[in-house]
């Protein structure tokens, strides 16, 4: 989420890498959770196991979290029944090229045009997906057929080129997914929600934006949850009955070697805490949206919990940390979609990917899936 300049070396590219994360940092971090009354209970506990309906397990993400969400829904297509992707891109977008390829092909701001960098990775992405599906390192790509997918790409996005999201749309349709593509809002790079503090066309921290459709405030979360769930109940705009808590990520393997924080957050509706049959959302933030930098802004302004509270959806928000040499070079706390984990993880987009494995272990604990 800082501006891209043309890098003169791979290390410089890594230092400025934001494709999936944002523009320049212009001051002090915003106050935590300014748009919502809920606060995270800060004493970390063990992530619980809940009575989750396996037909209602979903993943959503913005920017670096969006690229990671695509990796999760493709690699674990038997588990995830739907995906919401905001300003991400095709599976394995960075290929085997690491940060340099991610920078050149998948997103970032370049001079002198201030246009997000882009070179289509659609063909190699599909070839890699097909090969890995055949090898069994990811779930069978046939699972993508008929799967609902929501895509968001603002026409003004200066960080992830709208052409990249158009490629993802083509890729998902190629594998038979049912796609809803919101790509006509004059929006900058960010997660769209009625709770977003920034205007639709504003680029900046914490990358939480609010857009309108006609004269009505838009709610993109409503759009994708209506795709994923039958009989969606109204959003709770009052006090939430569920509880937002911190949980220990280290028991799943989170560490500084994977650029992951010691704690994440989980929202559990009261009915789910009592043992009701519930759904599940894995929600992944973008670069420079980690809690140590922007506090509770991502969780509070995403607008997911307000829908989850009345629709019995458990929401897990994993968290990252910034890291630098001699460990993984990830100064903007992005999720790992180019292989930075433990210096370089060539399997970053597969089931065996180091950070992917940590995230999926959280899903397994909360939902009981294998």
Protein backbone atom coordinates (compact mmCIF):
# COMPACT_ATOMS: atom_id res chain seq x y z
CA UNK A 1 0.00 0.00 0.00
CA UNK A 2 2.83 2.38 -0.71
CA UNK A 3 3.59 3.78 -4.12
CA UNK A 4 5.44 1.68 -6.62
CA UNK A 5 8.45 3.19 -8.35
CA UNK A 6 10.41 1.40 -11.01
CA UNK A 7 12.73 -0.92 -9.12
CA UNK A 8 16.39 -1.17 -9.98
CA UNK A 9 16.86 -4.51 -8.22
CA UNK A 10 14.81 -7.36 -6.82
CA UNK A 11 15.46 -6.11 -3.28
CA UNK A 12 14.18 -2.63 -4.10
CA UNK A 13 11.18 -4.22 -5.76
CA UNK A 14 10.47 -6.15 -2.57
CA UNK A 15 10.83 -3.03 -0.47
CA UNK A 16 8.15 -1.25 -2.44
CA UNK A 17 6.03 -4.28 -3.27
CA UNK A 18 2.36 -3.51 -2.78
CA UNK A 19 0.51 -5.17 -5.58
CA UNK A 20 -2.39 -6.05 -3.38
CA UNK A 21 -2.07 -3.43 -0.99
CA UNK A 22 -2.16 0.25 -1.71
CA UNK A 23 -0.59 3.60 -2.23
CA UNK A 24 1.59 5.98 -0.28
CA UNK A 25 1.57 6.16 3.50
CA UNK A 26 0.76 9.76 4.37
CA UNK A 27 0.86 10.09 8.12
CA UNK A 28 -0.17 8.50 11.38
CA UNK A 29 -2.24 5.32 11.35
CA UNK A 30 -5.99 5.81 11.62
CA UNK A 31 -7.72 5.28 14.92
CA UNK A 32 -8.67 1.66 15.41
CA UNK A 33 -12.23 0.67 14.64
CA UNK A 34 -13.55 4.18 14.04
CA UNK A 35 -16.58 2.97 12.09
CA UNK A 36 -17.90 0.33 14.48
CA UNK A 37 -18.75 -0.07 18.13
CA UNK A 38 -17.34 -3.59 18.44
CA UNK A 39 -13.85 -4.04 19.85
CA UNK A 40 -11.59 -7.05 19.90
CA UNK A 41 -11.10 -8.80 23.22
CA UNK A 42 -7.32 -8.57 23.40
CA UNK A 43 -6.57 -11.65 25.55
CA UNK A 44 -5.78 -14.32 22.97
CA UNK A 45 -7.45 -17.69 23.34
CA UNK A 46 -7.37 -20.89 21.32
CA UNK A 47 -9.44 -20.81 18.15
CA UNK A 48 -12.53 -22.90 18.78
CA UNK A 49 -14.14 -25.72 16.85
CA UNK A 50 -17.69 -24.99 15.72
CA UNK A 51 -20.64 -26.77 14.17
CA UNK A 52 -20.04 -25.61 10.61
CA UNK A 53 -22.08 -26.60 7.58
CA UNK A 54 -19.49 -27.78 5.00
CA UNK A 55 -21.62 -26.29 2.21
CA UNK A 56 -21.15 -22.82 3.72
CA UNK A 57 -17.38 -22.36 3.87
CA UNK A 58 -16.16 -19.27 2.00
CA UNK A 59 -13.06 -17.11 1.53
CA UNK A 60 -12.76 -13.38 0.86
CA UNK A 61 -9.83 -11.02 0.46
CA UNK A 62 -8.58 -7.63 -0.67
CA UNK A 63 -5.40 -7.05 -2.67
CA UNK A 64 -2.64 -9.33 -1.31
CA UNK A 65 -5.44 -11.07 0.59
CA UNK A 66 -7.34 -11.33 -2.69
CA UNK A 67 -4.45 -13.07 -4.45
CA UNK A 68 -4.21 -15.35 -1.41
CA UNK A 69 -7.96 -15.97 -1.50
CA UNK A 70 -7.68 -17.07 -5.13
CA UNK A 71 -4.88 -19.45 -4.14
CA UNK A 72 -7.01 -20.83 -1.30
CA UNK A 73 -10.16 -21.38 -3.35
CA UNK A 74 -8.22 -23.03 -6.18
CA UNK A 75 -5.92 -25.19 -4.04
CA UNK A 76 -8.76 -26.17 -1.68
CA UNK A 77 -11.66 -26.06 -4.12
CA UNK A 78 -13.27 -29.07 -2.45
CA UNK A 79 -13.55 -27.09 0.79
CA UNK A 80 -14.35 -23.51 -0.20
CA UNK A 81 -17.80 -23.13 -1.73
CA UNK A 82 -17.43 -19.52 -2.82
CA UNK A 83 -14.91 -16.68 -3.00
CA UNK A 84 -15.05 -12.87 -2.94
CA UNK A 85 -12.01 -11.25 -4.55
CA UNK A 86 -11.34 -7.51 -4.35
CA UNK A 87 -8.50 -6.23 -6.56
CA UNK A 88 -6.56 -9.46 -6.86
CA UNK A 89 -5.62 -11.55 -9.87
CA UNK A 90 -5.19 -14.92 -11.49
CA UNK A 91 -3.94 -17.99 -9.67
CA UNK A 92 -0.13 -18.22 -9.36
CA UNK A 93 0.11 -14.72 -10.80
CA UNK A 94 3.70 -14.23 -9.70
CA UNK A 95 4.66 -17.54 -11.29
CA UNK A 96 8.11 -18.80 -10.40
CA UNK A 97 9.58 -15.31 -10.64
CA UNK A 98 8.93 -14.20 -7.08
CA UNK A 99 8.75 -10.49 -6.28
CA UNK A 100 10.17 -9.35 -9.60
CA UNK A 101 7.40 -11.05 -11.58
CA UNK A 102 4.75 -9.93 -9.11
CA UNK A 103 5.94 -6.35 -9.52
CA UNK A 104 6.15 -6.41 -13.29
CA UNK A 105 3.07 -8.45 -14.14
CA UNK A 106 0.48 -8.37 -11.39
CA UNK A 107 0.23 -4.87 -9.97
CA UNK A 108 1.86 -1.78 -8.57
CA UNK A 109 2.23 1.83 -9.53
CA UNK A 110 4.80 2.79 -12.16
CA UNK A 111 6.14 6.03 -13.52
CA UNK A 112 5.46 8.14 -15.49
CA UNK A 113 1.86 7.09 -16.18
CA UNK A 114 0.72 6.22 -12.64
CA UNK A 115 -0.90 3.14 -14.19
CA UNK A 116 -0.70 -0.17 -12.39
CA UNK A 117 1.82 -2.49 -14.00
CA UNK A 118 0.33 -5.39 -15.90
CA UNK A 119 1.41 -8.20 -18.16
CA UNK A 120 -1.09 -11.00 -18.64
CA UNK A 121 -0.28 -14.20 -16.74
CA UNK A 122 -3.55 -15.86 -17.76
CA UNK A 123 -2.05 -18.51 -20.06
CA UNK A 124 0.75 -19.67 -17.72
CA UNK A 125 -1.66 -19.50 -14.79
CA UNK A 126 -4.13 -21.89 -16.38
CA UNK A 127 -1.34 -24.21 -17.54
CA UNK A 128 0.06 -24.35 -14.00
CA UNK A 129 -3.40 -24.86 -12.49
CA UNK A 130 -4.11 -27.73 -14.87
CA UNK A 131 -0.76 -29.36 -14.18
CA UNK A 132 -1.09 -29.11 -10.40
CA UNK A 133 -4.66 -30.36 -10.49
CA UNK A 134 -3.46 -33.40 -12.44
CA UNK A 135 -0.61 -33.97 -9.95
CA UNK A 136 -2.92 -33.66 -6.96
CA UNK A 137 -0.96 -30.87 -5.30
CA UNK A 138 -4.21 -28.90 -5.39
CA UNK A 139 -7.81 -30.13 -5.42
CA UNK A 140 -9.39 -31.20 -8.72
CA UNK A 141 -10.09 -28.10 -10.83
CA UNK A 142 -13.46 -29.64 -11.72
CA UNK A 143 -14.59 -28.49 -8.26
CA UNK A 144 -14.57 -24.92 -9.57
CA UNK A 145 -17.42 -25.68 -11.93
CA UNK A 146 -20.60 -23.98 -10.75
CA UNK A 147 -18.83 -22.33 -7.78
CA UNK A 148 -20.04 -18.77 -7.06
CA UNK A 149 -17.33 -16.11 -7.26
CA UNK A 150 -17.66 -12.39 -6.63
CA UNK A 151 -15.10 -10.02 -8.18
CA UNK A 152 -14.55 -6.33 -7.45
CA UNK A 153 -12.35 -4.02 -9.53
CA UNK A 154 -12.58 -0.25 -9.44
CA UNK A 155 -12.17 1.57 -12.74
CA UNK A 156 -9.72 4.00 -11.05
CA UNK A 157 -7.56 1.37 -9.33
CA UNK A 158 -3.93 2.53 -9.55
CA UNK A 159 -2.48 -0.45 -7.67
CA UNK A 160 -3.95 -3.57 -9.29
CA UNK A 161 -4.72 -2.99 -12.95
CA UNK A 162 -8.38 -3.67 -13.83
CA UNK A 163 -7.04 -5.80 -16.70
CA UNK A 164 -5.69 -8.20 -14.08
CA UNK A 165 -9.15 -8.70 -12.62
CA UNK A 166 -10.55 -9.11 -16.13
CA UNK A 167 -8.07 -11.97 -16.57
CA UNK A 168 -9.30 -13.53 -13.32
CA UNK A 169 -12.86 -13.25 -14.57
CA UNK A 170 -11.83 -15.07 -17.76
CA UNK A 171 -9.99 -17.73 -15.79
CA UNK A 172 -12.85 -18.49 -13.43
CA UNK A 173 -15.34 -18.61 -16.29
CA UNK A 174 -12.97 -20.94 -18.13
CA UNK A 175 -13.26 -23.39 -15.23
CA UNK A 176 -17.04 -23.02 -15.08
CA UNK A 177 -17.44 -20.78 -12.04
CA UNK A 178 -20.51 -18.55 -11.77
CA UNK A 179 -19.08 -15.06 -11.60
CA UNK A 180 -20.56 -11.72 -10.57
CA UNK A 181 -18.09 -9.00 -11.63
CA UNK A 182 -18.51 -5.51 -10.19
CA UNK A 183 -16.19 -3.55 -12.47
CA UNK A 184 -17.99 -0.32 -13.30
CA UNK A 185 -17.63 1.68 -10.07
CA UNK A 186 -15.29 4.73 -10.24
CA UNK A 187 -13.39 3.26 -7.32
CA UNK A 188 -9.77 3.39 -6.23
CA UNK A 189 -7.91 0.47 -4.70
CA UNK A 190 -9.67 -0.77 -1.58
CA UNK A 191 -12.33 -2.92 0.08
CA UNK A 192 -15.83 -1.55 -0.55
CA UNK A 193 -18.25 -1.34 2.36
CA UNK A 194 -20.89 1.06 3.76
CA UNK A 195 -18.56 1.30 6.76
CA UNK A 196 -15.51 2.36 4.73
CA UNK A 197 -14.16 5.71 5.85
CA UNK A 198 -12.85 6.83 2.44
CA UNK A 199 -14.70 8.04 -0.61
CA UNK A 200 -15.04 5.63 -3.52
CA UNK A 201 -12.36 7.33 -5.61
CA UNK A 202 -9.89 7.96 -2.76
CA UNK A 203 -6.57 6.14 -2.62
CA UNK A 204 -5.00 5.89 0.83
CA UNK A 205 -4.84 4.21 4.19
CA UNK A 206 -6.61 2.17 5.48
CA UNK A 207 -7.94 1.28 1.98
CA UNK A 208 -11.55 0.94 3.14
CA UNK A 209 -13.86 2.74 0.72
CA UNK A 210 -17.58 3.48 0.42
CA UNK A 211 -19.25 3.69 -2.99
CA UNK A 212 -22.74 4.52 -4.20
CA UNK A 213 -25.03 2.99 -6.79
CA UNK A 214 -27.15 5.83 -8.06
CA UNK A 215 -28.03 7.69 -4.87
CA UNK A 216 -27.86 4.61 -2.68
CA UNK A 217 -24.86 3.51 -0.64
CA UNK A 218 -23.56 0.29 -2.12
CA UNK A 219 -22.82 -2.81 -0.06
CA UNK A 220 -20.60 -5.25 -1.89
CA UNK A 221 -20.64 -7.73 1.01
CA UNK A 222 -24.42 -7.95 0.65
CA UNK A 223 -23.95 -8.75 -3.03
CA UNK A 224 -21.64 -11.70 -2.51
CA UNK A 225 -23.37 -13.09 0.55
CA UNK A 226 -26.65 -13.05 -1.36
CA UNK A 227 -24.86 -15.15 -4.00
CA UNK A 228 -23.47 -17.59 -1.44
CA UNK A 229 -26.42 -18.00 0.93
CA UNK A 230 -30.11 -18.70 0.55
CA UNK A 231 -32.57 -16.53 2.47
CA UNK A 232 -30.04 -13.91 3.54
CA UNK A 233 -31.26 -12.08 6.64
CA UNK A 234 -30.88 -8.29 6.96
CA UNK A 235 -27.64 -6.75 8.12
CA UNK A 236 -27.45 -5.87 11.81
CA UNK A 237 -26.80 -2.13 12.03
CA UNK A 238 -27.22 -2.09 15.80
CA UNK A 239 -25.24 -3.68 18.58
CA UNK A 240 -23.92 -7.06 17.50
CA UNK A 241 -24.85 -10.06 19.61
CA UNK A 242 -21.75 -11.98 18.56
CA UNK A 243 -18.29 -11.67 20.08
CA UNK A 244 -15.07 -10.53 18.44
CA UNK A 245 -11.99 -12.07 20.04
CA UNK A 246 -8.27 -12.48 19.52
CA UNK A 247 -6.96 -16.00 18.94
CA UNK A 248 -3.50 -17.54 19.02
CA UNK A 249 -2.10 -18.05 15.52
CA UNK A 250 1.19 -19.59 16.63
CA UNK A 251 -0.34 -22.99 17.39
CA UNK A 252 -1.04 -23.26 13.66
CA UNK A 253 2.56 -22.46 12.74
CA UNK A 254 2.39 -18.67 12.42
CA UNK A 255 5.79 -17.10 12.98
CA UNK A 256 8.06 -14.28 11.85
CA UNK A 257 9.53 -16.69 9.28
CA UNK A 258 6.12 -16.63 7.59
CA UNK A 259 5.55 -12.94 8.30
CA UNK A 260 2.51 -13.81 10.40
CA UNK A 261 1.41 -12.19 13.65
CA UNK A 262 1.04 -14.10 16.89
CA UNK A 263 -2.69 -13.36 17.02
CA UNK A 264 -5.62 -13.07 14.63
CA UNK A 265 -9.27 -12.19 15.22
CA UNK A 266 -12.45 -14.25 15.11
CA UNK A 267 -16.08 -13.16 15.17
CA UNK A 268 -18.53 -15.73 16.55
CA UNK A 269 -22.29 -15.03 16.45
CA UNK A 270 -24.06 -15.92 19.69
CA UNK A 271 -26.00 -18.76 18.04
CA UNK A 272 -22.75 -20.31 16.77
CA UNK A 273 -21.21 -20.08 20.23
CA UNK A 274 -24.20 -22.06 21.53
CA UNK A 275 -23.64 -24.84 18.98
CA UNK A 276 -25.99 -23.87 16.14
CA UNK A 277 -25.18 -25.02 12.61
CA UNK A 278 -23.27 -22.10 11.08
CA UNK A 279 -21.32 -20.97 8.06
CA UNK A 280 -17.72 -19.75 7.89
CA UNK A 281 -15.75 -16.98 6.16
CA UNK A 282 -11.96 -16.70 6.01
CA UNK A 283 -11.32 -12.95 5.53
CA UNK A 284 -7.87 -11.81 4.36
CA UNK A 285 -6.67 -8.20 4.51
CA UNK A 286 -4.32 -6.44 2.10
CA UNK A 287 -0.80 -5.10 2.49
CA UNK A 288 -0.44 -2.38 5.13
CA UNK A 289 -3.74 -3.40 6.70
CA UNK A 290 -2.22 -5.43 9.51
CA UNK A 291 -3.51 -4.79 13.03
CA UNK A 292 -0.14 -3.54 14.29
CA UNK A 293 -0.40 -0.68 11.78
CA UNK A 294 -4.09 0.22 11.48
CA UNK A 295 -5.53 -1.35 14.62
CA UNK A 296 -9.06 -2.70 14.21
CA UNK A 297 -9.87 -0.70 11.06
CA UNK A 298 -9.92 -3.70 8.68
CA UNK A 299 -12.20 -5.80 10.85
CA UNK A 300 -14.43 -2.91 11.91
CA UNK A 301 -14.94 -1.41 8.46
CA UNK A 302 -15.15 -4.55 6.32
CA UNK A 303 -18.88 -4.83 7.00
CA UNK A 304 -18.77 -8.62 7.21
CA UNK A 305 -19.60 -9.08 10.89
CA UNK A 306 -22.79 -7.01 10.55
CA UNK A 307 -24.11 -9.59 8.07
CA UNK A 308 -22.53 -12.54 9.86
CA UNK A 309 -24.26 -11.69 13.15
CA UNK A 310 -27.77 -12.43 11.87
CA UNK A 311 -26.80 -15.06 9.31
CA UNK A 312 -24.79 -17.29 11.64
CA UNK A 313 -21.40 -16.94 9.97
CA UNK A 314 -18.17 -17.35 11.88
CA UNK A 315 -15.52 -15.00 10.47
CA UNK A 316 -11.80 -15.63 10.94
CA UNK A 317 -9.44 -12.72 10.26
CA UNK A 318 -5.83 -13.97 10.13
CA UNK A 319 -3.17 -11.30 10.58
CA UNK A 320 0.32 -10.67 9.25
CA UNK A 321 3.35 -8.67 10.34
CA UNK A 322 5.96 -6.76 8.41
CA UNK A 323 9.32 -8.50 8.10
CA UNK A 324 12.72 -7.82 6.61
CA UNK A 325 16.13 -9.40 6.03
CA UNK A 326 17.64 -11.68 7.26
CA UNK A 327 14.13 -13.16 7.40
CA UNK A 328 11.46 -12.97 4.66
CA UNK A 329 11.42 -9.54 2.99
CA UNK A 330 7.84 -8.39 3.37
CA UNK A 331 7.96 -4.79 4.65
CA UNK A 332 4.26 -4.14 4.00
CA UNK A 333 2.88 -7.22 5.77
CA UNK A 334 1.30 -8.68 2.63
CA UNK A 335 -0.08 -12.19 2.54
CA UNK A 336 2.26 -14.50 0.67
CA UNK A 337 1.25 -14.72 -2.98
CA UNK A 338 4.73 -14.58 -4.50
CA UNK A 339 6.70 -16.98 -2.29
CA UNK A 340 8.45 -14.85 0.33
CA UNK A 341 7.82 -17.28 3.22
CA UNK A 342 11.01 -18.56 4.87
CA UNK A 343 13.03 -16.61 2.27
CA UNK A 344 11.43 -18.37 -0.70
CA UNK A 345 8.63 -20.91 -0.89
CA UNK A 346 8.31 -22.24 -4.44
CA UNK A 347 5.09 -24.04 -3.46
CA UNK A 348 3.42 -20.87 -2.19
CA UNK A 349 0.24 -21.39 -4.26
CA UNK A 350 -0.17 -25.11 -3.50
CA UNK A 351 -1.77 -26.95 -0.60
CA UNK A 352 1.73 -27.49 0.76
CA UNK A 353 2.57 -23.78 0.66
CA UNK A 354 3.98 -22.68 4.00
CA UNK A 355 1.58 -19.81 4.70
CA UNK A 356 -1.26 -21.57 2.90
CA UNK A 357 -0.87 -24.50 5.29
CA UNK A 358 -1.12 -22.24 8.33
CA UNK A 359 -4.28 -20.58 7.02
CA UNK A 360 -5.88 -23.89 6.13
CA UNK A 361 -5.09 -25.31 9.56
CA UNK A 362 -7.17 -22.45 11.00
CA UNK A 363 -10.02 -23.37 8.67
CA UNK A 364 -9.75 -27.01 9.72
CA UNK A 365 -9.87 -26.15 13.41
CA UNK A 366 -12.89 -23.88 13.11
CA UNK A 367 -14.90 -26.00 10.67
CA UNK A 368 -13.77 -29.59 11.18
CA UNK A 369 -12.99 -30.17 7.48
CA UNK A 370 -10.15 -32.49 6.58
